Every structure is written in C-alpha cells, then in structure tokens.
Amino acid sequence: MARRVRTSPRKRPRQDRSKATVDAILGATAQVLVKDGYDKTSTNRVAERAGVSVGSVYQYFPNKEALVGELVDRYSREIFELLLSEIASLADQPPAVVAPRLVATMVRIKQQDPKLARVLREQIPRVGRMQRYEKQLDDIIGAVAAYLGRHRDLLRHDDVEAAAFVAVHTVDATTHAGVVSEPGVDEATLVAHVTDLVLRYLLR
C-alpha cells in the first residue's frame, strides 16, 4: 500500500520574521513552479530561489506537495474571500450592477499572474485540494443563490440554486480560460462578454 503524502504545512508561522520567511518561500515556490513546472519543482530549488536553507523550508513544509498545496490555498482563499465580501456588499444592487463587478474581480485577480493562475489550477487535484476548492465554490454558489433569491422577480429561472450553480461555474471556467489561454482575451473584452453571457442566462 502506497504511503500517503502529507500535503499540509508542518506548522504555521507566528512571529513576523517567520511569517516573512514563509512568504519568501511561497513566493519562490510560485516562481519555480511557473518557470520549471511541477515535476521539476523541488524543495532544494525553492530554498535556493528564496535565499534560505533547505532546512528552513522543511521547518514549515514537509515536501513540495505541501508547498504547492499552501500556495493553492492562499491563492484560492484570496479570490473567494473577496468575492464573498463583494456579494455581501452588493446585496441590494440589481444583477446588471453585480455581475460585471464579480466578473471583473475574478479576471483582475487571475490577470495579476496568468501563468501562475494556470499552473495552480492544474495542481489542485494533484496536491489534494479538489475537495477544498469545490467547498469554496459551493460557498460562492450559496451566496449567489441567496442574492438571486432577493431578485427573483427579475429572473428567467425559478430554481435559484440551479441558476447560481450554472452561473458561478460558467464565470469561473470562462474567466480562467480567457486569462490563461494564449493569446487570451483582453480584460475589458473578457469582462464584457462573460457578463453578457451570464445576464442573458439569468434575466428575463
């Protein structure tokens, strides 16, 4: 029976100095991952890029799977926490206002580093983060369904949960593809087209 690979950090940094070290390690992980790919990424290469000893890497992360897993967690958490905050702050606004804001947020974050966005999405199942990622998507779907329920009179669909599921997965997939594909689609065009797609699906 194959030994299960640990994909979580050994410990969390508490002091400012140790937090800075972990940030440097994760920043180096992102650079190595984008440049060399997952298979060639190693704790030694990450340590060299971060300017720390490999022992410092192992102090916090048992292996490269844990490094990449933590990077995936940070990246996806940033996106989903921002989206949940925006949905809550826009609860009383009509879909024609909310949709472009949410689409633009997803595109803007992914366009900060399209190559990193692509490689992290590819590694989600590899580092044991699929269930966590799906839970985060479910949280967004639930928030969108609650929002749509407040604007039910504008919708083409009675089942707001199903409508939210389709809309969220559509936005997630199309914004990701539009950003990471080469040559890709420019930000303004991508936001406009995805917004139009979603609003035509949702509204009467």
N, C-alpha and C. Protein backbone atom coordinates (compact mmCIF):
# COMPACT_ATOMS: atom_id res chain seq x y z
N MET A 1 0.85 -1.20 0.00
CA MET A 1 0.00 0.00 0.00
C MET A 1 0.88 1.25 0.00
N ALA A 2 0.63 2.16 -0.93
CA ALA A 2 1.45 3.37 -1.05
C ALA A 2 1.26 4.27 0.16
N ARG A 3 2.37 4.86 0.61
CA ARG A 3 2.30 5.77 1.75
C ARG A 3 1.66 7.09 1.31
N ARG A 4 0.75 7.56 2.13
CA ARG A 4 0.06 8.81 1.81
C ARG A 4 0.99 9.99 1.99
N VAL A 5 1.06 10.85 0.99
CA VAL A 5 1.93 12.02 1.04
C VAL A 5 1.24 13.15 1.79
N ARG A 6 1.93 13.71 2.76
CA ARG A 6 1.37 14.83 3.51
C ARG A 6 1.38 16.08 2.65
N THR A 7 0.25 16.77 2.60
CA THR A 7 0.16 17.97 1.76
C THR A 7 -0.18 19.22 2.57
N SER A 8 -0.04 19.15 3.89
CA SER A 8 -0.30 20.32 4.73
C SER A 8 1.00 20.78 5.37
N PRO A 9 1.09 22.05 5.76
CA PRO A 9 2.31 22.55 6.40
C PRO A 9 2.59 21.83 7.72
N ARG A 10 3.87 21.81 8.11
CA ARG A 10 4.23 21.24 9.41
C ARG A 10 3.72 22.13 10.54
N LYS A 11 3.88 23.43 10.37
CA LYS A 11 3.43 24.38 11.39
C LYS A 11 3.19 25.73 10.74
N ARG A 12 2.48 26.58 11.45
CA ARG A 12 2.18 27.93 10.96
C ARG A 12 3.13 28.93 11.61
N PRO A 13 3.62 29.90 10.86
CA PRO A 13 4.50 30.92 11.45
C PRO A 13 3.71 31.83 12.38
N ARG A 14 4.35 32.25 13.47
CA ARG A 14 3.67 33.11 14.44
C ARG A 14 4.35 34.49 14.54
N GLN A 15 5.66 34.51 14.49
CA GLN A 15 6.40 35.77 14.59
C GLN A 15 6.49 36.44 13.22
N ASP A 16 6.68 37.75 13.23
CA ASP A 16 6.78 38.49 11.97
C ASP A 16 7.93 37.97 11.11
N ARG A 17 9.05 37.65 11.75
CA ARG A 17 10.20 37.17 11.00
C ARG A 17 9.91 35.83 10.33
N SER A 18 9.27 34.93 11.06
CA SER A 18 8.96 33.62 10.48
C SER A 18 7.89 33.74 9.40
N LYS A 19 6.96 34.68 9.57
CA LYS A 19 5.95 34.92 8.53
C LYS A 19 6.61 35.43 7.26
N ALA A 20 7.60 36.30 7.42
CA ALA A 20 8.32 36.81 6.26
C ALA A 20 9.09 35.69 5.56
N THR A 21 9.64 34.77 6.35
CA THR A 21 10.35 33.64 5.76
C THR A 21 9.41 32.76 4.95
N VAL A 22 8.25 32.46 5.52
CA VAL A 22 7.27 31.63 4.82
C VAL A 22 6.77 32.33 3.56
N ASP A 23 6.55 33.64 3.65
CA ASP A 23 6.13 34.39 2.46
C ASP A 23 7.18 34.30 1.36
N ALA A 24 8.46 34.41 1.75
CA ALA A 24 9.54 34.31 0.77
C ALA A 24 9.60 32.92 0.16
N ILE A 25 9.39 31.90 0.98
CA ILE A 25 9.40 30.51 0.50
C ILE A 25 8.26 30.28 -0.49
N LEU A 26 7.07 30.77 -0.16
CA LEU A 26 5.93 30.57 -1.06
C LEU A 26 6.07 31.40 -2.33
N GLY A 27 6.64 32.60 -2.21
CA GLY A 27 6.90 33.39 -3.41
C GLY A 27 7.88 32.69 -4.33
N ALA A 28 8.90 32.08 -3.74
CA ALA A 28 9.87 31.32 -4.53
C ALA A 28 9.23 30.09 -5.14
N THR A 29 8.34 29.45 -4.40
CA THR A 29 7.63 28.28 -4.93
C THR A 29 6.86 28.66 -6.18
N ALA A 30 6.17 29.79 -6.14
CA ALA A 30 5.41 30.25 -7.31
C ALA A 30 6.33 30.47 -8.50
N GLN A 31 7.48 31.09 -8.27
CA GLN A 31 8.41 31.37 -9.36
C GLN A 31 8.97 30.09 -9.97
N VAL A 32 9.37 29.15 -9.12
CA VAL A 32 9.93 27.89 -9.61
C VAL A 32 8.86 27.08 -10.33
N LEU A 33 7.67 27.07 -9.78
CA LEU A 33 6.57 26.30 -10.38
C LEU A 33 6.25 26.81 -11.78
N VAL A 34 6.19 28.12 -11.94
CA VAL A 34 5.89 28.70 -13.25
C VAL A 34 7.05 28.47 -14.23
N LYS A 35 8.26 28.63 -13.76
CA LYS A 35 9.44 28.51 -14.64
C LYS A 35 9.74 27.06 -15.02
N ASP A 36 9.71 26.16 -14.04
CA ASP A 36 10.20 24.80 -14.25
C ASP A 36 9.11 23.74 -14.33
N GLY A 37 7.88 24.08 -13.93
CA GLY A 37 6.82 23.09 -13.91
C GLY A 37 6.82 22.28 -12.62
N TYR A 38 5.73 21.58 -12.37
CA TYR A 38 5.57 20.86 -11.11
C TYR A 38 6.61 19.76 -10.94
N ASP A 39 6.84 18.97 -11.98
CA ASP A 39 7.73 17.81 -11.86
C ASP A 39 9.15 18.21 -11.50
N LYS A 40 9.60 19.36 -11.99
CA LYS A 40 10.97 19.80 -11.72
C LYS A 40 11.07 20.70 -10.49
N THR A 41 9.94 21.04 -9.91
CA THR A 41 9.96 21.82 -8.68
C THR A 41 10.44 20.94 -7.53
N SER A 42 11.32 21.46 -6.71
CA SER A 42 11.83 20.70 -5.56
C SER A 42 12.06 21.65 -4.40
N THR A 43 12.15 21.10 -3.21
CA THR A 43 12.42 21.93 -2.03
C THR A 43 13.79 22.59 -2.14
N ASN A 44 14.75 21.90 -2.75
CA ASN A 44 16.08 22.50 -2.93
C ASN A 44 16.03 23.72 -3.84
N ARG A 45 15.32 23.61 -4.95
CA ARG A 45 15.21 24.74 -5.88
C ARG A 45 14.47 25.90 -5.23
N VAL A 46 13.44 25.57 -4.48
CA VAL A 46 12.67 26.63 -3.80
C VAL A 46 13.55 27.34 -2.78
N ALA A 47 14.30 26.57 -2.00
CA ALA A 47 15.18 27.16 -0.99
C ALA A 47 16.22 28.08 -1.64
N GLU A 48 16.81 27.61 -2.73
CA GLU A 48 17.80 28.42 -3.44
C GLU A 48 17.20 29.73 -3.95
N ARG A 49 16.00 29.64 -4.54
CA ARG A 49 15.34 30.84 -5.07
C ARG A 49 14.94 31.79 -3.94
N ALA A 50 14.54 31.24 -2.81
CA ALA A 50 14.09 32.07 -1.68
C ALA A 50 15.27 32.65 -0.89
N GLY A 51 16.47 32.11 -1.10
CA GLY A 51 17.63 32.58 -0.36
C GLY A 51 17.65 32.10 1.07
N VAL A 52 17.10 30.91 1.31
CA VAL A 52 17.09 30.32 2.64
C VAL A 52 17.67 28.91 2.55
N SER A 53 17.96 28.32 3.69
CA SER A 53 18.45 26.94 3.70
C SER A 53 17.29 25.99 3.46
N VAL A 54 17.60 24.81 2.94
CA VAL A 54 16.53 23.83 2.73
C VAL A 54 15.94 23.40 4.06
N GLY A 55 16.76 23.50 5.13
CA GLY A 55 16.24 23.20 6.47
C GLY A 55 15.14 24.16 6.88
N SER A 56 15.26 25.42 6.45
CA SER A 56 14.21 26.40 6.75
C SER A 56 12.91 26.04 6.04
N VAL A 57 13.04 25.53 4.82
CA VAL A 57 11.84 25.08 4.09
C VAL A 57 11.19 23.93 4.84
N TYR A 58 12.00 22.93 5.24
CA TYR A 58 11.46 21.75 5.91
C TYR A 58 10.92 22.06 7.30
N GLN A 59 11.35 23.17 7.87
CA GLN A 59 10.82 23.57 9.17
C GLN A 59 9.32 23.82 9.09
N TYR A 60 8.87 24.29 7.91
CA TYR A 60 7.46 24.62 7.74
C TYR A 60 6.72 23.67 6.80
N PHE A 61 7.43 23.10 5.84
CA PHE A 61 6.78 22.28 4.82
C PHE A 61 7.52 20.95 4.65
N PRO A 62 6.81 19.82 4.74
CA PRO A 62 7.47 18.52 4.67
C PRO A 62 7.94 18.13 3.28
N ASN A 63 7.37 18.74 2.24
CA ASN A 63 7.68 18.34 0.87
C ASN A 63 7.12 19.38 -0.10
N LYS A 64 7.37 19.16 -1.39
CA LYS A 64 6.90 20.13 -2.38
C LYS A 64 5.38 20.10 -2.51
N GLU A 65 4.76 18.94 -2.25
CA GLU A 65 3.30 18.87 -2.32
C GLU A 65 2.67 19.84 -1.32
N ALA A 66 3.24 19.90 -0.12
CA ALA A 66 2.72 20.82 0.90
C ALA A 66 2.97 22.27 0.50
N LEU A 67 4.12 22.53 -0.12
CA LEU A 67 4.42 23.88 -0.60
C LEU A 67 3.39 24.34 -1.63
N VAL A 68 3.17 23.50 -2.63
CA VAL A 68 2.22 23.86 -3.69
C VAL A 68 0.80 23.91 -3.14
N GLY A 69 0.47 22.99 -2.23
CA GLY A 69 -0.85 22.99 -1.63
C GLY A 69 -1.14 24.28 -0.88
N GLU A 70 -0.15 24.76 -0.13
CA GLU A 70 -0.33 26.02 0.60
C GLU A 70 -0.46 27.19 -0.35
N LEU A 71 0.27 27.14 -1.45
CA LEU A 71 0.17 28.20 -2.46
C LEU A 71 -1.22 28.21 -3.08
N VAL A 72 -1.75 27.04 -3.40
CA VAL A 72 -3.12 26.92 -3.93
C VAL A 72 -4.11 27.48 -2.92
N ASP A 73 -3.94 27.12 -1.64
CA ASP A 73 -4.87 27.58 -0.60
C ASP A 73 -4.88 29.10 -0.51
N ARG A 74 -3.71 29.70 -0.50
CA ARG A 74 -3.62 31.16 -0.39
C ARG A 74 -4.27 31.85 -1.58
N TYR A 75 -3.97 31.33 -2.75
CA TYR A 75 -4.48 31.95 -3.97
C TYR A 75 -6.00 31.86 -4.05
N SER A 76 -6.54 30.67 -3.81
CA SER A 76 -7.99 30.49 -3.92
C SER A 76 -8.71 31.22 -2.80
N ARG A 77 -8.11 31.25 -1.60
CA ARG A 77 -8.74 31.95 -0.49
C ARG A 77 -8.86 33.44 -0.78
N GLU A 78 -7.84 34.01 -1.39
CA GLU A 78 -7.88 35.44 -1.74
C GLU A 78 -9.05 35.73 -2.68
N ILE A 79 -9.22 34.88 -3.69
CA ILE A 79 -10.30 35.08 -4.65
C ILE A 79 -11.66 34.93 -3.99
N PHE A 80 -11.85 33.82 -3.27
CA PHE A 80 -13.18 33.52 -2.75
C PHE A 80 -13.59 34.45 -1.61
N GLU A 81 -12.65 34.84 -0.76
CA GLU A 81 -12.99 35.78 0.31
C GLU A 81 -13.38 37.14 -0.26
N LEU A 82 -12.68 37.57 -1.29
CA LEU A 82 -13.01 38.84 -1.93
C LEU A 82 -14.38 38.78 -2.60
N LEU A 83 -14.66 37.66 -3.27
CA LEU A 83 -15.96 37.51 -3.92
C LEU A 83 -17.10 37.50 -2.90
N LEU A 84 -16.93 36.76 -1.81
CA LEU A 84 -17.97 36.72 -0.78
C LEU A 84 -18.21 38.11 -0.19
N SER A 85 -17.14 38.85 0.02
CA SER A 85 -17.27 40.21 0.55
C SER A 85 -18.03 41.11 -0.42
N GLU A 86 -17.72 40.98 -1.71
CA GLU A 86 -18.39 41.82 -2.71
C GLU A 86 -19.86 41.46 -2.84
N ILE A 87 -20.17 40.16 -2.82
CA ILE A 87 -21.57 39.74 -2.91
C ILE A 87 -22.36 40.31 -1.74
N ALA A 88 -21.78 40.25 -0.55
CA ALA A 88 -22.47 40.78 0.64
C ALA A 88 -22.67 42.29 0.54
N SER A 89 -21.67 42.99 0.04
CA SER A 89 -21.77 44.46 -0.02
C SER A 89 -22.71 44.94 -1.12
N LEU A 90 -22.99 44.07 -2.10
CA LEU A 90 -23.83 44.46 -3.24
C LEU A 90 -25.21 43.81 -3.20
N ALA A 91 -25.60 43.31 -2.04
CA ALA A 91 -26.83 42.52 -1.93
C ALA A 91 -28.07 43.24 -2.46
N ASP A 92 -28.13 44.55 -2.31
CA ASP A 92 -29.32 45.28 -2.73
C ASP A 92 -29.22 45.84 -4.15
N GLN A 93 -28.10 45.62 -4.80
CA GLN A 93 -27.91 46.11 -6.16
C GLN A 93 -28.48 45.12 -7.17
N PRO A 94 -28.95 45.59 -8.33
CA PRO A 94 -29.51 44.69 -9.34
C PRO A 94 -28.42 43.86 -10.01
N PRO A 95 -28.79 42.73 -10.61
CA PRO A 95 -27.81 41.87 -11.28
C PRO A 95 -26.98 42.59 -12.33
N ALA A 96 -27.57 43.57 -13.01
CA ALA A 96 -26.83 44.30 -14.04
C ALA A 96 -25.65 45.08 -13.46
N VAL A 97 -25.70 45.37 -12.17
CA VAL A 97 -24.59 46.04 -11.49
C VAL A 97 -23.64 45.02 -10.88
N VAL A 98 -24.21 43.98 -10.30
CA VAL A 98 -23.41 42.99 -9.56
C VAL A 98 -22.58 42.12 -10.49
N ALA A 99 -23.18 41.64 -11.57
CA ALA A 99 -22.49 40.69 -12.46
C ALA A 99 -21.15 41.23 -12.98
N PRO A 100 -21.12 42.43 -13.57
CA PRO A 100 -19.82 42.91 -14.07
C PRO A 100 -18.79 43.11 -12.97
N ARG A 101 -19.24 43.48 -11.77
CA ARG A 101 -18.30 43.66 -10.66
C ARG A 101 -17.64 42.34 -10.29
N LEU A 102 -18.45 41.28 -10.17
CA LEU A 102 -17.91 39.99 -9.77
C LEU A 102 -17.03 39.39 -10.87
N VAL A 103 -17.48 39.51 -12.10
CA VAL A 103 -16.67 39.00 -13.22
C VAL A 103 -15.34 39.75 -13.28
N ALA A 104 -15.38 41.06 -13.14
CA ALA A 104 -14.16 41.86 -13.20
C ALA A 104 -13.20 41.49 -12.07
N THR A 105 -13.74 41.19 -10.90
CA THR A 105 -12.89 40.79 -9.78
C THR A 105 -12.15 39.50 -10.08
N MET A 106 -12.86 38.52 -10.62
CA MET A 106 -12.23 37.24 -10.94
C MET A 106 -11.16 37.42 -12.01
N VAL A 107 -11.46 38.20 -13.02
CA VAL A 107 -10.50 38.42 -14.10
C VAL A 107 -9.28 39.18 -13.59
N ARG A 108 -9.51 40.20 -12.79
CA ARG A 108 -8.41 41.04 -12.32
C ARG A 108 -7.41 40.24 -11.48
N ILE A 109 -7.90 39.40 -10.59
CA ILE A 109 -7.01 38.61 -9.75
C ILE A 109 -6.20 37.63 -10.60
N LYS A 110 -6.86 36.97 -11.53
CA LYS A 110 -6.16 35.99 -12.36
C LYS A 110 -5.16 36.64 -13.30
N GLN A 111 -5.46 37.87 -13.73
CA GLN A 111 -4.55 38.55 -14.65
C GLN A 111 -3.31 39.11 -13.96
N GLN A 112 -3.29 39.10 -12.65
CA GLN A 112 -2.08 39.53 -11.95
C GLN A 112 -0.90 38.63 -12.33
N ASP A 113 -1.18 37.34 -12.55
CA ASP A 113 -0.14 36.40 -12.97
C ASP A 113 -0.82 35.23 -13.68
N PRO A 114 -1.12 35.38 -14.97
CA PRO A 114 -1.85 34.34 -15.70
C PRO A 114 -1.16 32.98 -15.68
N LYS A 115 0.18 32.97 -15.77
CA LYS A 115 0.89 31.70 -15.77
C LYS A 115 0.75 30.99 -14.44
N LEU A 116 0.79 31.75 -13.36
CA LEU A 116 0.60 31.14 -12.04
C LEU A 116 -0.83 30.65 -11.88
N ALA A 117 -1.80 31.44 -12.36
CA ALA A 117 -3.20 31.02 -12.29
C ALA A 117 -3.41 29.69 -13.00
N ARG A 118 -2.78 29.54 -14.15
CA ARG A 118 -2.93 28.30 -14.91
C ARG A 118 -2.30 27.11 -14.18
N VAL A 119 -1.08 27.28 -13.73
CA VAL A 119 -0.38 26.15 -13.14
C VAL A 119 -0.99 25.75 -11.80
N LEU A 120 -1.49 26.71 -11.03
CA LEU A 120 -2.12 26.36 -9.76
C LEU A 120 -3.43 25.61 -9.98
N ARG A 121 -4.21 26.02 -10.97
CA ARG A 121 -5.46 25.30 -11.26
C ARG A 121 -5.14 23.86 -11.65
N GLU A 122 -4.08 23.67 -12.41
CA GLU A 122 -3.71 22.32 -12.84
C GLU A 122 -3.31 21.43 -11.67
N GLN A 123 -2.77 22.04 -10.61
CA GLN A 123 -2.25 21.25 -9.49
C GLN A 123 -3.27 21.00 -8.39
N ILE A 124 -4.46 21.58 -8.47
CA ILE A 124 -5.45 21.42 -7.39
C ILE A 124 -5.69 19.95 -7.05
N PRO A 125 -5.99 19.07 -8.02
CA PRO A 125 -6.20 17.67 -7.66
C PRO A 125 -4.91 16.96 -7.25
N ARG A 126 -3.80 17.40 -7.79
CA ARG A 126 -2.52 16.72 -7.54
C ARG A 126 -2.06 16.89 -6.10
N VAL A 127 -2.40 18.01 -5.49
CA VAL A 127 -1.96 18.26 -4.11
C VAL A 127 -3.12 18.14 -3.13
N GLY A 128 -4.14 17.39 -3.52
CA GLY A 128 -5.23 17.07 -2.60
C GLY A 128 -6.11 18.23 -2.21
N ARG A 129 -6.31 19.19 -3.13
CA ARG A 129 -7.11 20.36 -2.79
C ARG A 129 -8.45 20.41 -3.52
N MET A 130 -8.81 19.37 -4.26
CA MET A 130 -10.05 19.42 -5.03
C MET A 130 -11.26 19.57 -4.13
N GLN A 131 -11.33 18.78 -3.06
CA GLN A 131 -12.49 18.86 -2.17
C GLN A 131 -12.60 20.25 -1.54
N ARG A 132 -11.47 20.81 -1.14
CA ARG A 132 -11.48 22.14 -0.53
C ARG A 132 -11.89 23.20 -1.55
N TYR A 133 -11.39 23.09 -2.77
CA TYR A 133 -11.73 24.05 -3.82
C TYR A 133 -13.22 23.98 -4.14
N GLU A 134 -13.76 22.76 -4.22
CA GLU A 134 -15.18 22.61 -4.50
C GLU A 134 -16.03 23.17 -3.37
N LYS A 135 -15.55 23.02 -2.12
CA LYS A 135 -16.28 23.60 -0.98
C LYS A 135 -16.29 25.13 -1.08
N GLN A 136 -15.17 25.71 -1.49
CA GLN A 136 -15.13 27.16 -1.65
C GLN A 136 -16.07 27.62 -2.76
N LEU A 137 -16.10 26.87 -3.86
CA LEU A 137 -17.04 27.19 -4.94
C LEU A 137 -18.48 27.06 -4.45
N ASP A 138 -18.75 26.03 -3.65
CA ASP A 138 -20.10 25.85 -3.11
C ASP A 138 -20.51 27.03 -2.23
N ASP A 139 -19.56 27.57 -1.48
CA ASP A 139 -19.86 28.75 -0.65
C ASP A 139 -20.25 29.94 -1.52
N ILE A 140 -19.54 30.11 -2.64
CA ILE A 140 -19.88 31.19 -3.57
C ILE A 140 -21.25 30.94 -4.18
N ILE A 141 -21.50 29.70 -4.59
CA ILE A 141 -22.80 29.35 -5.18
C ILE A 141 -23.92 29.64 -4.19
N GLY A 142 -23.72 29.28 -2.92
CA GLY A 142 -24.73 29.55 -1.90
C GLY A 142 -24.99 31.04 -1.73
N ALA A 143 -23.92 31.83 -1.73
CA ALA A 143 -24.08 33.28 -1.59
C ALA A 143 -24.78 33.88 -2.80
N VAL A 144 -24.44 33.39 -4.00
CA VAL A 144 -25.09 33.89 -5.21
C VAL A 144 -26.56 33.48 -5.23
N ALA A 145 -26.85 32.25 -4.80
CA ALA A 145 -28.25 31.79 -4.75
C ALA A 145 -29.07 32.67 -3.80
N ALA A 146 -28.48 32.99 -2.64
CA ALA A 146 -29.18 33.86 -1.69
C ALA A 146 -29.42 35.24 -2.30
N TYR A 147 -28.41 35.75 -3.01
CA TYR A 147 -28.55 37.04 -3.69
C TYR A 147 -29.65 36.97 -4.75
N LEU A 148 -29.64 35.94 -5.57
CA LEU A 148 -30.66 35.81 -6.62
C LEU A 148 -32.06 35.68 -6.03
N GLY A 149 -32.15 35.05 -4.87
CA GLY A 149 -33.45 34.94 -4.21
C GLY A 149 -34.05 36.28 -3.86
N ARG A 150 -33.19 37.28 -3.63
CA ARG A 150 -33.67 38.63 -3.31
C ARG A 150 -34.15 39.36 -4.56
N HIS A 151 -33.79 38.82 -5.73
CA HIS A 151 -34.13 39.48 -7.00
C HIS A 151 -34.87 38.51 -7.92
N ARG A 152 -35.65 37.65 -7.31
CA ARG A 152 -36.32 36.57 -8.03
C ARG A 152 -37.23 37.09 -9.14
N ASP A 153 -37.83 38.26 -8.94
CA ASP A 153 -38.77 38.80 -9.93
C ASP A 153 -38.10 39.16 -11.25
N LEU A 154 -36.76 39.27 -11.24
CA LEU A 154 -36.03 39.63 -12.46
C LEU A 154 -35.55 38.41 -13.25
N LEU A 155 -35.69 37.23 -12.65
CA LEU A 155 -35.03 36.04 -13.20
C LEU A 155 -35.89 35.26 -14.18
N ARG A 156 -35.22 34.57 -15.08
CA ARG A 156 -35.88 33.67 -16.01
C ARG A 156 -36.14 32.31 -15.38
N HIS A 157 -35.44 32.01 -14.30
CA HIS A 157 -35.47 30.66 -13.72
C HIS A 157 -36.02 30.70 -12.30
N ASP A 158 -36.90 29.75 -11.99
CA ASP A 158 -37.46 29.68 -10.64
C ASP A 158 -36.48 29.06 -9.65
N ASP A 159 -35.67 28.13 -10.11
CA ASP A 159 -34.73 27.43 -9.23
C ASP A 159 -33.45 28.27 -9.10
N VAL A 160 -33.37 29.07 -8.04
CA VAL A 160 -32.23 29.97 -7.90
C VAL A 160 -30.94 29.21 -7.58
N GLU A 161 -31.05 28.06 -6.90
CA GLU A 161 -29.85 27.27 -6.60
C GLU A 161 -29.23 26.74 -7.89
N ALA A 162 -30.06 26.21 -8.78
CA ALA A 162 -29.55 25.71 -10.06
C ALA A 162 -28.99 26.85 -10.90
N ALA A 163 -29.68 27.98 -10.91
CA ALA A 163 -29.22 29.14 -11.68
C ALA A 163 -27.87 29.63 -11.16
N ALA A 164 -27.72 29.66 -9.83
CA ALA A 164 -26.46 30.08 -9.23
C ALA A 164 -25.34 29.10 -9.57
N PHE A 165 -25.64 27.81 -9.53
CA PHE A 165 -24.65 26.78 -9.86
C PHE A 165 -24.11 26.98 -11.28
N VAL A 166 -25.03 27.13 -12.23
CA VAL A 166 -24.63 27.30 -13.63
C VAL A 166 -23.86 28.60 -13.82
N ALA A 167 -24.36 29.68 -13.23
CA ALA A 167 -23.72 30.99 -13.42
C ALA A 167 -22.31 31.01 -12.84
N VAL A 168 -22.14 30.49 -11.63
CA VAL A 168 -20.83 30.53 -10.98
C VAL A 168 -19.82 29.67 -11.73
N HIS A 169 -20.22 28.46 -12.10
CA HIS A 169 -19.29 27.60 -12.83
C HIS A 169 -18.96 28.17 -14.21
N THR A 170 -19.94 28.81 -14.83
CA THR A 170 -19.69 29.44 -16.13
C THR A 170 -18.67 30.56 -16.01
N VAL A 171 -18.86 31.42 -15.02
CA VAL A 171 -17.93 32.53 -14.82
C VAL A 171 -16.54 32.02 -14.45
N ASP A 172 -16.48 31.05 -13.56
CA ASP A 172 -15.19 30.51 -13.13
C ASP A 172 -14.43 29.92 -14.32
N ALA A 173 -15.10 29.11 -15.12
CA ALA A 173 -14.43 28.43 -16.24
C ALA A 173 -14.05 29.39 -17.35
N THR A 174 -14.96 30.29 -17.71
CA THR A 174 -14.68 31.17 -18.85
C THR A 174 -13.66 32.25 -18.52
N THR A 175 -13.70 32.79 -17.30
CA THR A 175 -12.69 33.78 -16.94
C THR A 175 -11.31 33.13 -16.85
N HIS A 176 -11.26 31.92 -16.32
CA HIS A 176 -9.97 31.22 -16.23
C HIS A 176 -9.41 30.97 -17.62
N ALA A 177 -10.23 30.42 -18.51
CA ALA A 177 -9.77 30.13 -19.87
C ALA A 177 -9.37 31.41 -20.60
N GLY A 178 -10.15 32.46 -20.43
CA GLY A 178 -9.86 33.72 -21.12
C GLY A 178 -8.57 34.36 -20.68
N VAL A 179 -8.20 34.15 -19.41
CA VAL A 179 -6.97 34.74 -18.88
C VAL A 179 -5.75 33.89 -19.20
N VAL A 180 -5.84 32.58 -19.01
CA VAL A 180 -4.63 31.75 -19.10
C VAL A 180 -4.33 31.26 -20.51
N SER A 181 -5.32 31.29 -21.41
CA SER A 181 -5.07 30.84 -22.78
C SER A 181 -4.18 31.84 -23.50
N GLU A 182 -3.44 31.36 -24.47
CA GLU A 182 -2.60 32.25 -25.27
C GLU A 182 -3.11 32.28 -26.70
N PRO A 183 -3.35 33.47 -27.28
CA PRO A 183 -3.03 34.78 -26.73
C PRO A 183 -4.03 35.29 -25.70
N GLY A 184 -5.12 34.59 -25.47
CA GLY A 184 -6.08 35.04 -24.48
C GLY A 184 -6.97 36.17 -24.97
N VAL A 185 -7.73 36.75 -24.05
CA VAL A 185 -8.65 37.84 -24.37
C VAL A 185 -8.34 39.00 -23.45
N ASP A 186 -8.34 40.22 -23.98
CA ASP A 186 -8.01 41.36 -23.12
C ASP A 186 -9.09 41.53 -22.06
N GLU A 187 -8.70 42.16 -20.95
CA GLU A 187 -9.53 42.20 -19.75
C GLU A 187 -10.91 42.81 -20.01
N ALA A 188 -10.98 43.97 -20.64
CA ALA A 188 -12.26 44.64 -20.85
C ALA A 188 -13.19 43.80 -21.72
N THR A 189 -12.65 43.21 -22.77
CA THR A 189 -13.47 42.38 -23.66
C THR A 189 -13.97 41.14 -22.94
N LEU A 190 -13.09 40.50 -22.17
CA LEU A 190 -13.48 39.29 -21.45
C LEU A 190 -14.58 39.59 -20.44
N VAL A 191 -14.41 40.66 -19.67
CA VAL A 191 -15.43 41.03 -18.68
C VAL A 191 -16.76 41.31 -19.36
N ALA A 192 -16.74 42.05 -20.46
CA ALA A 192 -17.97 42.40 -21.16
C ALA A 192 -18.68 41.17 -21.70
N HIS A 193 -17.94 40.26 -22.31
CA HIS A 193 -18.56 39.08 -22.92
C HIS A 193 -19.09 38.11 -21.88
N VAL A 194 -18.32 37.87 -20.82
CA VAL A 194 -18.78 36.94 -19.78
C VAL A 194 -19.98 37.53 -19.05
N THR A 195 -19.95 38.83 -18.79
CA THR A 195 -21.09 39.48 -18.14
C THR A 195 -22.34 39.36 -19.00
N ASP A 196 -22.21 39.61 -20.29
CA ASP A 196 -23.34 39.49 -21.21
C ASP A 196 -23.89 38.07 -21.22
N LEU A 197 -23.01 37.10 -21.23
CA LEU A 197 -23.41 35.70 -21.22
C LEU A 197 -24.23 35.36 -19.98
N VAL A 198 -23.74 35.78 -18.83
CA VAL A 198 -24.40 35.46 -17.56
C VAL A 198 -25.74 36.18 -17.44
N LEU A 199 -25.77 37.46 -17.78
CA LEU A 199 -27.02 38.22 -17.64
C LEU A 199 -28.10 37.72 -18.61
N ARG A 200 -27.70 37.33 -19.81
CA ARG A 200 -28.68 36.78 -20.75
C ARG A 200 -29.23 35.45 -20.24
N TYR A 201 -28.40 34.69 -19.55
CA TYR A 201 -28.87 33.42 -18.97
C TYR A 201 -29.80 33.66 -17.79
N LEU A 202 -29.47 34.64 -16.94
CA LEU A 202 -30.20 34.82 -15.69
C LEU A 202 -31.49 35.63 -15.83
N LEU A 203 -31.47 36.68 -16.63
CA LEU A 203 -32.56 37.66 -16.59
C LEU A 203 -33.62 37.43 -17.65
N ARG A 204 -34.81 37.89 -17.31
CA ARG A 204 -35.93 37.81 -18.26
C ARG A 204 -35.65 38.68 -19.48
